[in-house]
Every structure is written in C-alpha cells, then in structure tokens.
Amino acid sequence: MVTNNRMSNGLPKGIYFDMDNTLFDFVEAKLIACECMIDHMGSGDPEDLLNYFLRGKYHFEHLSNIKEYIEDQGIYSDDLFIQCCDIYRRTTLDNIKLYPNVMDTLELLKKKNISVAIVTDAYKQNAARRLKKAGICHLIDKLITRDVSGAKKPELEVFYYALNEFKYSPNEVVFVGDSMRRDIAPAKQIGMITAHALYGDKNRNYGISLKPDHVLKDIKDILQIIDSSDHHNC
C-alpha cells in the first residue's frame, strides 16, 4: 500500500466504496456478456461491442448501445435486439464475482462499527441485483445510486448527498474508488480522505496531477489505514 500519510484524527466513521471495478470487475463481466451476444449474432467482435458501452454516447449500461451495434452490423431485427438484451442482462449478472478479500474486508469493517456505503452511478435496481449476486447486501449500510442522489459522479452533489445520509463531515470518511477522475478527484475536492483502488483501475493514464491520500493494491489494504488510525487515536 502506498500512502501520502494524510488521515483525520481518530478512526474514520465511514468507508464509502464505489461499486463497479472497485468491489468486482464489472468490465470483465460486460466483456463476457459481449462475447455471448456476438456468438448469438453470428458476426462482429466482442471488444468492438464493449467499446460501444465505453464510448460515452449513452449511459454505461444503456441498451441503446446494443441496438446501435446491431444496426451498424446491418443485421438488426426487433427479435435479435430483445434476445441480445436478455443475454446481456443474464450474463453480466452471472459473472459478478467479488475481488479477492472484499468479503473479509467488509466483515471486519462491520465488526469495527464503521459505516459502509456504496456510491455508484448505476441505477438502484441494477446495483441491488449486483450486490445481491455478490452476496454482500447484509454488509452495506447505505446504497446511494444516481437515481437516489439525483446526480452522477464526478458531480459534487453525489458526494455531499452521501455525507448527509450519515451526517458525517468529509474528513470523517474514506472514499474508495477505481477512477481518479470520477471518484478520487471530487472526493478529495470536498475534503474526504481518498483511497485509489489501483487493483481495479482500467484506465491508468489520466494526465491528472492529483495524488490520492492512499493507494490500494488490494482492497484489504484499507484495513491498514483503519489500524493506523486506530493506533494513532490510542
């Protein structure tokens, strides 16, 4: 674990986690779903289809990404679109698998009476399904989604909303996320303690001159931050 040694005095009251690519590899799950859709279509390339989701024209999970890909392949039909959407939903969810040590880390945070929240741009229904599949719903105190907060990262409203849910001050919370731009930068801007989930970061080159307070090579590294803070408080 790499750290800048910035920490509020005492044990943090809350740990807020991004969800996709911080708790599990959602990009990999989507790629597997793309492979299954391409097999069903009988033409195309899985990585090309994945790039339709990544390009930013629609939301990361919007089914219009699938529709446009099929149209661009010149094979569109309503039936094929409906079938591919079904494959996408089922296969993506089936391939949600926690990163190593996520379950143990969340259980230990629970034992320490530290509030755990998920702050994600996914919609509530989709996020709840993924957390249920991952088997960690009982370890999450709050699920804050884009339709709950009314905003999406990196908008600061998301982070203020999450703080207000527990009535915490920014320096009482550690925010853990894989995206420097969408997670770390805004959380740091409002004064939260930041931990970059390097193990899940799919886009390492940003050109952002920003240093998180902590860098996690494994999610369990967050426990070192907690232990260090607890020891300092003693």
C-alpha atoms as a PDB file:
ATOM      1  CA  MET A   1       0.000   0.000   0.000  1.00  0.00           C
ATOM      2  CA  VAL A   2       1.289   3.484  -0.936  1.00  0.00           C
ATOM      3  CA  THR A   3       0.167   6.411   1.197  1.00  0.00           C
ATOM      4  CA  ASN A   4       0.594  10.184   1.499  1.00  0.00           C
ATOM      5  CA  ASN A   5       0.067   9.883   5.255  1.00  0.00           C
ATOM      6  CA  ARG A   6      -2.993  12.144   5.319  1.00  0.00           C
ATOM      7  CA  MET A   7      -5.576  10.975   7.825  1.00  0.00           C
ATOM      8  CA  SER A   8      -8.062  12.691  10.096  1.00  0.00           C
ATOM      9  CA  ASN A   9      -7.503  12.283  13.831  1.00  0.00           C
ATOM     10  CA  GLY A  10      -9.135   9.120  15.122  1.00  0.00           C
ATOM     11  CA  LEU A  11     -10.924   6.228  13.477  1.00  0.00           C
ATOM     12  CA  PRO A  12     -12.925   7.094  10.330  1.00  0.00           C
ATOM     13  CA  LYS A  13     -16.663   6.935  10.898  1.00  0.00           C
ATOM     14  CA  GLY A  14     -17.430   5.739   7.391  1.00  0.00           C
ATOM     15  CA  ILE A  15     -15.908   3.996   4.392  1.00  0.00           C
ATOM     16  CA  TYR A  16     -17.650   4.782   1.112  1.00  0.00           C
ATOM     17  CA  PHE A  17     -16.964   2.468  -1.814  1.00  0.00           C
ATOM     18  CA  ASP A  18     -17.565   2.876  -5.498  1.00  0.00           C
ATOM     19  CA  MET A  19     -19.100  -0.387  -6.733  1.00  0.00           C
ATOM     20  CA  ASP A  20     -18.162  -1.422 -10.291  1.00  0.00           C
ATOM     21  CA  ASN A  21     -14.450  -2.247 -10.686  1.00  0.00           C
ATOM     22  CA  THR A  22     -13.885  -1.431  -7.009  1.00  0.00           C
ATOM     23  CA  LEU A  23     -15.718  -4.392  -5.459  1.00  0.00           C
ATOM     24  CA  PHE A  24     -15.785  -6.580  -8.573  1.00  0.00           C
ATOM     25  CA  ASP A  25     -14.569  -6.489 -12.182  1.00  0.00           C
ATOM     26  CA  PHE A  26     -17.638  -5.212 -13.985  1.00  0.00           C
ATOM     27  CA  VAL A  27     -15.784  -4.561 -17.240  1.00  0.00           C
ATOM     28  CA  GLU A  28     -14.802  -8.229 -17.389  1.00  0.00           C
ATOM     29  CA  ALA A  29     -18.414  -9.260 -16.733  1.00  0.00           C
ATOM     30  CA  LYS A  30     -19.568  -6.990 -19.564  1.00  0.00           C
ATOM     31  CA  LEU A  31     -16.912  -8.380 -21.911  1.00  0.00           C
ATOM     32  CA  ILE A  32     -18.100 -11.932 -21.256  1.00  0.00           C
ATOM     33  CA  ALA A  33     -21.659 -10.773 -21.972  1.00  0.00           C
ATOM     34  CA  CYS A  34     -20.442  -9.170 -25.210  1.00  0.00           C
ATOM     35  CA  GLU A  35     -18.794 -12.439 -26.232  1.00  0.00           C
ATOM     36  CA  CYS A  36     -22.084 -14.288 -25.675  1.00  0.00           C
ATOM     37  CA  MET A  37     -24.046 -11.695 -27.650  1.00  0.00           C
ATOM     38  CA  ILE A  38     -21.602 -11.874 -30.567  1.00  0.00           C
ATOM     39  CA  ASP A  39     -21.887 -15.675 -30.566  1.00  0.00           C
ATOM     40  CA  HIS A  40     -25.647 -15.316 -30.749  1.00  0.00           C
ATOM     41  CA  MET A  41     -25.486 -12.706 -33.533  1.00  0.00           C
ATOM     42  CA  GLY A  42     -23.082 -14.815 -35.562  1.00  0.00           C
ATOM     43  CA  SER A  43     -20.957 -11.805 -36.525  1.00  0.00           C
ATOM     44  CA  GLY A  44     -18.989  -8.938 -35.003  1.00  0.00           C
ATOM     45  CA  ASP A  45     -16.280  -8.573 -32.389  1.00  0.00           C
ATOM     46  CA  PRO A  46     -16.793  -8.635 -28.582  1.00  0.00           C
ATOM     47  CA  GLU A  47     -14.303  -5.858 -27.859  1.00  0.00           C
ATOM     48  CA  ASP A  48     -15.895  -3.641 -30.509  1.00  0.00           C
ATOM     49  CA  LEU A  49     -19.265  -4.184 -28.871  1.00  0.00           C
ATOM     50  CA  LEU A  50     -17.785  -3.417 -25.443  1.00  0.00           C
ATOM     51  CA  ASN A  51     -16.409  -0.154 -26.844  1.00  0.00           C
ATOM     52  CA  TYR A  52     -19.959   0.894 -27.695  1.00  0.00           C
ATOM     53  CA  PHE A  53     -20.653   0.828 -23.944  1.00  0.00           C
ATOM     54  CA  LEU A  54     -17.404   2.645 -23.150  1.00  0.00           C
ATOM     55  CA  ARG A  55     -17.679   5.448 -25.708  1.00  0.00           C
ATOM     56  CA  GLY A  56     -19.926   7.628 -23.545  1.00  0.00           C
ATOM     57  CA  LYS A  57     -22.700   8.313 -26.048  1.00  0.00           C
ATOM     58  CA  TYR A  58     -25.218   6.670 -23.742  1.00  0.00           C
ATOM     59  CA  HIS A  59     -25.013   5.538 -20.133  1.00  0.00           C
ATOM     60  CA  PHE A  60     -22.563   2.696 -19.493  1.00  0.00           C
ATOM     61  CA  GLU A  61     -25.438   0.214 -19.188  1.00  0.00           C
ATOM     62  CA  HIS A  62     -27.890   1.684 -21.697  1.00  0.00           C
ATOM     63  CA  LEU A  63     -29.338  -0.933 -24.026  1.00  0.00           C
ATOM     64  CA  SER A  64     -29.197   1.542 -26.926  1.00  0.00           C
ATOM     65  CA  ASN A  65     -25.507   0.648 -27.118  1.00  0.00           C
ATOM     66  CA  ILE A  66     -26.518  -2.866 -28.127  1.00  0.00           C
ATOM     67  CA  LYS A  67     -29.149  -1.621 -30.573  1.00  0.00           C
ATOM     68  CA  GLU A  68     -26.716   0.674 -32.379  1.00  0.00           C
ATOM     69  CA  TYR A  69     -24.094  -2.054 -32.614  1.00  0.00           C
ATOM     70  CA  ILE A  70     -26.558  -4.461 -34.237  1.00  0.00           C
ATOM     71  CA  GLU A  71     -27.721  -1.709 -36.601  1.00  0.00           C
ATOM     72  CA  ASP A  72     -24.140  -0.897 -37.570  1.00  0.00           C
ATOM     73  CA  GLN A  73     -23.571  -4.575 -38.334  1.00  0.00           C
ATOM     74  CA  GLY A  74     -26.520  -4.416 -40.731  1.00  0.00           C
ATOM     75  CA  ILE A  75     -28.341  -7.305 -39.041  1.00  0.00           C
ATOM     76  CA  TYR A  76     -30.904  -5.508 -36.890  1.00  0.00           C
ATOM     77  CA  SER A  77     -34.271  -7.001 -36.069  1.00  0.00           C
ATOM     78  CA  ASP A  78     -36.506  -6.406 -33.066  1.00  0.00           C
ATOM     79  CA  ASP A  79     -36.284 -10.066 -32.103  1.00  0.00           C
ATOM     80  CA  LEU A  80     -32.475 -10.112 -32.248  1.00  0.00           C
ATOM     81  CA  PHE A  81     -32.274  -6.928 -30.176  1.00  0.00           C
ATOM     82  CA  ILE A  82     -34.593  -8.342 -27.486  1.00  0.00           C
ATOM     83  CA  GLN A  83     -32.641 -11.610 -27.404  1.00  0.00           C
ATOM     84  CA  CYS A  84     -29.301  -9.819 -27.064  1.00  0.00           C
ATOM     85  CA  CYS A  85     -30.625  -7.599 -24.282  1.00  0.00           C
ATOM     86  CA  ASP A  86     -31.719 -10.695 -22.390  1.00  0.00           C
ATOM     87  CA  ILE A  87     -28.304 -12.301 -22.914  1.00  0.00           C
ATOM     88  CA  TYR A  88     -26.602  -9.113 -21.726  1.00  0.00           C
ATOM     89  CA  ARG A  89     -28.628  -8.841 -18.519  1.00  0.00           C
ATOM     90  CA  ARG A  90     -28.309 -12.512 -17.564  1.00  0.00           C
ATOM     91  CA  THR A  91     -24.656 -12.991 -18.490  1.00  0.00           C
ATOM     92  CA  THR A  92     -23.413  -9.783 -16.902  1.00  0.00           C
ATOM     93  CA  LEU A  93     -25.127 -10.600 -13.623  1.00  0.00           C
ATOM     94  CA  ASP A  94     -23.988 -14.234 -13.710  1.00  0.00           C
ATOM     95  CA  ASN A  95     -20.360 -13.085 -13.940  1.00  0.00           C
ATOM     96  CA  ILE A  96     -20.357 -10.714 -10.976  1.00  0.00           C
ATOM     97  CA  LYS A  97     -17.579 -12.070  -8.760  1.00  0.00           C
ATOM     98  CA  LEU A  98     -16.026 -10.188  -5.866  1.00  0.00           C
ATOM     99  CA  TYR A  99     -12.367  -9.298  -5.999  1.00  0.00           C
ATOM    100  CA  PRO A 100     -10.245 -11.262  -3.503  1.00  0.00           C
ATOM    101  CA  ASN A 101     -10.617 -10.172   0.131  1.00  0.00           C
ATOM    102  CA  VAL A 102     -13.696  -7.979  -0.412  1.00  0.00           C
ATOM    103  CA  MET A 103     -15.976 -10.075   1.788  1.00  0.00           C
ATOM    104  CA  ASP A 104     -13.457 -10.374   4.623  1.00  0.00           C
ATOM    105  CA  THR A 105     -12.669  -6.660   4.484  1.00  0.00           C
ATOM    106  CA  LEU A 106     -16.318  -5.623   4.676  1.00  0.00           C
ATOM    107  CA  GLU A 107     -16.946  -8.043   7.533  1.00  0.00           C
ATOM    108  CA  LEU A 108     -14.054  -6.575   9.522  1.00  0.00           C
ATOM    109  CA  LEU A 109     -15.302  -3.024   8.911  1.00  0.00           C
ATOM    110  CA  LYS A 110     -18.689  -4.133  10.217  1.00  0.00           C
ATOM    111  CA  LYS A 111     -17.092  -5.520  13.391  1.00  0.00           C
ATOM    112  CA  LYS A 112     -15.391  -2.168  13.947  1.00  0.00           C
ATOM    113  CA  ASN A 113     -18.777  -0.401  13.678  1.00  0.00           C
ATOM    114  CA  ILE A 114     -17.617   1.656  10.706  1.00  0.00           C
ATOM    115  CA  SER A 115     -20.454   2.674   8.385  1.00  0.00           C
ATOM    116  CA  VAL A 116     -20.173   1.219   4.890  1.00  0.00           C
ATOM    117  CA  ALA A 117     -21.870   2.852   1.915  1.00  0.00           C
ATOM    118  CA  ILE A 118     -21.870   2.134  -1.809  1.00  0.00           C
ATOM    119  CA  VAL A 119     -21.812   5.246  -4.014  1.00  0.00           C
ATOM    120  CA  THR A 120     -22.383   4.327  -7.649  1.00  0.00           C
ATOM    121  CA  ASP A 121     -23.625   5.718 -10.950  1.00  0.00           C
ATOM    122  CA  ALA A 122     -25.618   2.556 -11.529  1.00  0.00           C
ATOM    123  CA  TYR A 123     -29.375   2.759 -11.087  1.00  0.00           C
ATOM    124  CA  LYS A 124     -30.768   1.357  -7.844  1.00  0.00           C
ATOM    125  CA  GLN A 125     -32.395  -1.737  -9.330  1.00  0.00           C
ATOM    126  CA  ASN A 126     -29.260  -2.773 -11.221  1.00  0.00           C
ATOM    127  CA  ALA A 127     -26.962  -2.027  -8.300  1.00  0.00           C
ATOM    128  CA  ALA A 128     -29.136  -4.000  -5.872  1.00  0.00           C
ATOM    129  CA  ARG A 129     -29.101  -7.006  -8.197  1.00  0.00           C
ATOM    130  CA  ARG A 130     -25.314  -6.954  -8.447  1.00  0.00           C
ATOM    131  CA  LEU A 131     -24.818  -6.596  -4.704  1.00  0.00           C
ATOM    132  CA  LYS A 132     -27.259  -9.448  -4.088  1.00  0.00           C
ATOM    133  CA  LYS A 133     -25.407 -11.644  -6.593  1.00  0.00           C
ATOM    134  CA  ALA A 134     -22.137 -10.763  -4.851  1.00  0.00           C
ATOM    135  CA  GLY A 135     -23.668 -11.749  -1.508  1.00  0.00           C
ATOM    136  CA  ILE A 136     -22.793  -8.575   0.392  1.00  0.00           C
ATOM    137  CA  CYS A 137     -26.116  -6.790   0.898  1.00  0.00           C
ATOM    138  CA  HIS A 138     -26.016  -7.525   4.643  1.00  0.00           C
ATOM    139  CA  LEU A 139     -22.685  -5.703   4.924  1.00  0.00           C
ATOM    140  CA  ILE A 140     -23.853  -2.465   3.285  1.00  0.00           C
ATOM    141  CA  ASP A 141     -25.488   0.260   5.389  1.00  0.00           C
ATOM    142  CA  LYS A 142     -26.480   2.581   2.524  1.00  0.00           C
ATOM    143  CA  LEU A 143     -26.789   2.157  -1.237  1.00  0.00           C
ATOM    144  CA  ILE A 144     -26.540   5.526  -2.994  1.00  0.00           C
ATOM    145  CA  THR A 145     -27.259   5.367  -6.715  1.00  0.00           C
ATOM    146  CA  ARG A 146     -27.666   8.018  -9.404  1.00  0.00           C
ATOM    147  CA  ASP A 147     -31.472   7.860  -9.206  1.00  0.00           C
ATOM    148  CA  VAL A 148     -31.300   8.213  -5.409  1.00  0.00           C
ATOM    149  CA  SER A 149     -28.871  11.152  -5.265  1.00  0.00           C
ATOM    150  CA  GLY A 150     -30.206  12.797  -8.419  1.00  0.00           C
ATOM    151  CA  ALA A 151     -26.699  13.298  -9.784  1.00  0.00           C
ATOM    152  CA  LYS A 152     -23.783  11.307 -11.175  1.00  0.00           C
ATOM    153  CA  LYS A 153     -20.083  11.285 -10.463  1.00  0.00           C
ATOM    154  CA  PRO A 154     -17.944  13.359 -10.649  1.00  0.00           C
ATOM    155  CA  GLU A 155     -20.657  15.902  -9.709  1.00  0.00           C
ATOM    156  CA  LEU A 156     -20.047  17.013  -6.129  1.00  0.00           C
ATOM    157  CA  GLU A 157     -23.737  16.673  -5.272  1.00  0.00           C
ATOM    158  CA  VAL A 158     -23.274  12.894  -5.192  1.00  0.00           C
ATOM    159  CA  PHE A 159     -20.612  13.105  -2.500  1.00  0.00           C
ATOM    160  CA  TYR A 160     -22.436  15.698  -0.395  1.00  0.00           C
ATOM    161  CA  TYR A 161     -25.573  13.566  -0.577  1.00  0.00           C
ATOM    162  CA  ALA A 162     -23.624  10.534   0.671  1.00  0.00           C
ATOM    163  CA  LEU A 163     -22.195  12.518   3.574  1.00  0.00           C
ATOM    164  CA  ASN A 164     -25.599  13.878   4.543  1.00  0.00           C
ATOM    165  CA  GLU A 165     -27.063  10.383   4.672  1.00  0.00           C
ATOM    166  CA  PHE A 166     -24.966   9.762   7.804  1.00  0.00           C
ATOM    167  CA  LYS A 167     -24.473  13.396   8.886  1.00  0.00           C
ATOM    168  CA  TYR A 168     -20.705  12.954   8.569  1.00  0.00           C
ATOM    169  CA  SER A 169     -18.101  15.600   7.871  1.00  0.00           C
ATOM    170  CA  PRO A 170     -15.819  14.986   4.857  1.00  0.00           C
ATOM    171  CA  ASN A 171     -12.739  14.280   6.985  1.00  0.00           C
ATOM    172  CA  GLU A 172     -14.616  11.547   8.852  1.00  0.00           C
ATOM    173  CA  VAL A 173     -14.994   9.422   5.725  1.00  0.00           C
ATOM    174  CA  VAL A 174     -12.633   7.447   3.465  1.00  0.00           C
ATOM    175  CA  PHE A 175     -13.779   7.245  -0.150  1.00  0.00           C
ATOM    176  CA  VAL A 176     -12.524   4.227  -2.097  1.00  0.00           C
ATOM    177  CA  GLY A 177     -12.793   4.163  -5.892  1.00  0.00           C
ATOM    178  CA  ASP A 178     -11.042   2.933  -9.026  1.00  0.00           C
ATOM    179  CA  SER A 179     -11.459   6.140 -11.067  1.00  0.00           C
ATOM    180  CA  MET A 180      -9.155   9.066 -10.392  1.00  0.00           C
ATOM    181  CA  ARG A 181     -11.421  11.434 -12.335  1.00  0.00           C
ATOM    182  CA  ARG A 182     -14.846  10.294 -11.183  1.00  0.00           C
ATOM    183  CA  ASP A 183     -14.099   9.077  -7.637  1.00  0.00           C
ATOM    184  CA  ILE A 184     -10.864  10.393  -6.210  1.00  0.00           C
ATOM    185  CA  ALA A 185     -10.762  13.954  -7.598  1.00  0.00           C
ATOM    186  CA  PRO A 186     -14.253  15.057  -6.461  1.00  0.00           C
ATOM    187  CA  ALA A 187     -13.997  13.272  -3.090  1.00  0.00           C
ATOM    188  CA  LYS A 188     -10.658  14.952  -2.435  1.00  0.00           C
ATOM    189  CA  GLN A 189     -12.025  18.308  -3.579  1.00  0.00           C
ATOM    190  CA  ILE A 190     -14.605  18.371  -0.796  1.00  0.00           C
ATOM    191  CA  GLY A 191     -12.160  17.157   1.849  1.00  0.00           C
ATOM    192  CA  MET A 192     -12.805  13.423   2.063  1.00  0.00           C
ATOM    193  CA  ILE A 193      -9.927  11.035   2.705  1.00  0.00           C
ATOM    194  CA  THR A 194      -9.268   9.255  -0.584  1.00  0.00           C
ATOM    195  CA  ALA A 195      -8.082   5.726  -1.373  1.00  0.00           C
ATOM    196  CA  HIS A 196      -7.457   4.824  -5.004  1.00  0.00           C
ATOM    197  CA  ALA A 197      -8.413   1.220  -5.803  1.00  0.00           C
ATOM    198  CA  LEU A 198      -5.474   0.695  -8.140  1.00  0.00           C
ATOM    199  CA  TYR A 199      -6.246  -3.029  -8.414  1.00  0.00           C
ATOM    200  CA  GLY A 200      -9.472  -2.217 -10.288  1.00  0.00           C
ATOM    201  CA  ASP A 201      -8.403   0.801 -12.335  1.00  0.00           C
ATOM    202  CA  LYS A 202      -8.862   0.074 -16.049  1.00  0.00           C
ATOM    203  CA  ASN A 203      -7.531   3.438 -17.233  1.00  0.00           C
ATOM    204  CA  ARG A 204      -4.176   4.182 -15.666  1.00  0.00           C
ATOM    205  CA  ASN A 205      -3.136   7.165 -17.864  1.00  0.00           C
ATOM    206  CA  TYR A 206      -5.071  10.291 -16.992  1.00  0.00           C
ATOM    207  CA  GLY A 207      -2.843  13.337 -17.211  1.00  0.00           C
ATOM    208  CA  ILE A 208      -4.363  14.330 -13.861  1.00  0.00           C
ATOM    209  CA  SER A 209      -1.864  15.907 -11.476  1.00  0.00           C
ATOM    210  CA  LEU A 210      -3.567  14.514  -8.400  1.00  0.00           C
ATOM    211  CA  LYS A 211      -2.360  12.260  -5.636  1.00  0.00           C
ATOM    212  CA  PRO A 212      -4.843  10.257  -3.600  1.00  0.00           C
ATOM    213  CA  ASP A 213      -4.215  10.047   0.131  1.00  0.00           C
ATOM    214  CA  HIS A 214      -3.799   6.282  -0.162  1.00  0.00           C
ATOM    215  CA  VAL A 215      -3.257   3.787  -2.972  1.00  0.00           C
ATOM    216  CA  LEU A 216      -4.685   0.291  -2.560  1.00  0.00           C
ATOM    217  CA  LYS A 217      -3.098  -2.642  -4.350  1.00  0.00           C
ATOM    218  CA  ASP A 218      -5.677  -4.901  -2.706  1.00  0.00           C
ATOM    219  CA  ILE A 219      -8.939  -3.909  -1.043  1.00  0.00           C
ATOM    220  CA  LYS A 220      -7.683  -5.341   2.256  1.00  0.00           C
ATOM    221  CA  ASP A 221      -5.111  -2.516   2.331  1.00  0.00           C
ATOM    222  CA  ILE A 222      -7.924  -0.309   3.619  1.00  0.00           C
ATOM    223  CA  LEU A 223      -7.585  -2.172   6.908  1.00  0.00           C
ATOM    224  CA  GLN A 224      -4.038  -0.852   7.289  1.00  0.00           C
ATOM    225  CA  ILE A 225      -5.440   2.663   7.070  1.00  0.00           C
ATOM    226  CA  ILE A 226      -8.011   1.835   9.735  1.00  0.00           C
ATOM    227  CA  ASP A 227      -5.474   0.112  12.008  1.00  0.00           C
ATOM    228  CA  SER A 228      -3.053   3.020  11.656  1.00  0.00           C
ATOM    229  CA  SER A 229      -5.778   5.484  12.527  1.00  0.00           C
ATOM    230  CA  ASP A 230      -6.949   3.399  15.491  1.00  0.00           C
ATOM    231  CA  HIS A 231      -3.398   3.125  16.830  1.00  0.00           C
ATOM    232  CA  HIS A 232      -2.892   6.884  16.424  1.00  0.00           C
ATOM    233  CA  ASN A 233      -6.099   7.546  18.339  1.00  0.00           C
ATOM    234  CA  CYS A 234      -4.841   5.441  21.265  1.00  0.00           C
END
